[in-house]
Protein backbone atom coordinates (compact mmCIF):
# COMPACT_ATOMS: atom_id res chain seq x y z
CA MET A 1 -0.42 -0.30 0.07
CA SER A 2 2.76 2.18 0.69
CA GLY A 3 3.79 1.53 -3.09
CA GLN A 4 1.00 3.05 -4.59
CA ILE A 5 0.76 5.88 -1.99
CA ASP A 6 4.39 7.00 -3.35
CA GLY A 7 2.73 6.42 -6.86
CA ILE A 8 0.13 8.47 -6.05
CA LYS A 9 2.08 11.18 -4.87
CA LYS A 10 4.07 11.01 -7.88
CA MET A 11 1.06 11.66 -10.26
CA ILE A 12 0.16 14.74 -8.52
CA ALA A 13 3.48 15.78 -8.37
CA ASP A 14 3.22 15.28 -12.81
CA LYS A 15 0.19 17.23 -12.49
CA ARG A 16 -1.58 13.53 -13.68
CA TYR A 17 -5.04 13.40 -15.01
CA CYS A 18 -7.66 13.94 -12.16
CA VAL A 19 -9.22 10.53 -12.72
CA GLU A 20 -6.35 8.72 -13.11
CA ILE A 21 -5.57 10.32 -9.26
CA LEU A 22 -8.52 9.46 -8.45
CA THR A 23 -8.92 5.42 -9.16
CA GLN A 24 -5.43 5.41 -7.91
CA LEU A 25 -7.08 6.55 -4.32
CA LYS A 26 -9.79 4.62 -4.85
CA ALA A 27 -7.30 0.85 -5.34
CA VAL A 28 -5.86 2.34 -1.90
CA GLN A 29 -8.96 2.77 0.09
CA SER A 30 -10.09 -0.65 -1.54
CA ALA A 31 -7.13 -2.29 -0.35
CA ALA A 32 -6.87 -0.18 3.27
CA ARG A 33 -10.53 -2.01 4.03
CA ALA A 34 -9.69 -5.32 2.77
CA VAL A 35 -6.65 -5.01 5.67
CA GLU A 36 -9.15 -3.60 8.05
CA GLY A 37 -12.11 -6.39 7.53
CA SER A 38 -9.49 -9.42 8.10
CA ILE A 39 -7.80 -7.18 11.56
CA LEU A 40 -11.39 -6.89 12.31
CA LYS A 41 -12.12 -10.67 11.56
CA ARG A 42 -9.25 -11.62 14.02
CA HIS A 43 -9.95 -9.60 17.19
CA ILE A 44 -13.86 -10.57 16.79
CA GLU A 45 -12.20 -14.19 16.86
CA ALA A 46 -9.44 -14.35 19.09
CA CYS A 47 -10.32 -11.03 21.49
CA VAL A 48 -13.76 -10.87 21.31
CA LYS A 49 -14.84 -14.60 21.85
CA ASP A 50 -12.02 -14.72 24.32
CA ALA A 51 -14.26 -11.91 26.41
CA PHE A 52 -17.19 -13.77 26.00
CA ASP A 53 -16.03 -17.42 27.28
CA GLY A 54 -15.00 -15.85 30.36
CA LYS A 55 -16.19 -15.55 33.65
CA ASN A 56 -15.73 -12.15 33.69
CA ALA A 57 -18.43 -9.19 32.84
CA SER A 58 -16.12 -6.28 32.78
CA ASP A 59 -14.08 -8.22 30.08
CA ARG A 60 -17.46 -8.43 28.03
CA ASP A 61 -18.77 -4.73 28.70
CA GLU A 62 -15.09 -3.69 27.61
CA LYS A 63 -14.96 -5.70 24.11
CA ILE A 64 -18.43 -3.98 23.69
CA ASN A 65 -17.65 -0.91 24.12
CA GLU A 66 -14.41 -1.03 21.69
CA LEU A 67 -16.40 -2.23 18.92
CA LEU A 68 -19.52 0.27 19.26
CA LYS A 69 -16.57 2.69 19.52
CA LEU A 70 -14.83 1.89 16.35
CA PHE A 71 -18.40 1.70 14.70
CA LYS A 72 -19.58 5.43 15.77
CA LYS A 73 -16.20 6.28 14.39
CA SER A 74 -16.94 4.99 10.86
């Protein structure tokens, strides 16, 4: 992804056509969403699951609040 960002910076510096730059920006956004989804999936499968498997209610509440804060930022 950092290579794509560098490429976009060069495109801007080279004054490339706006639609070409926007296309590359969309590709970076898509890649970032894919990474985000993968990390979220692992977090739910591991951290959140462990909190719900345990007996400590405050752990469950903490994980729920973390996810709620995360989704409110979206």
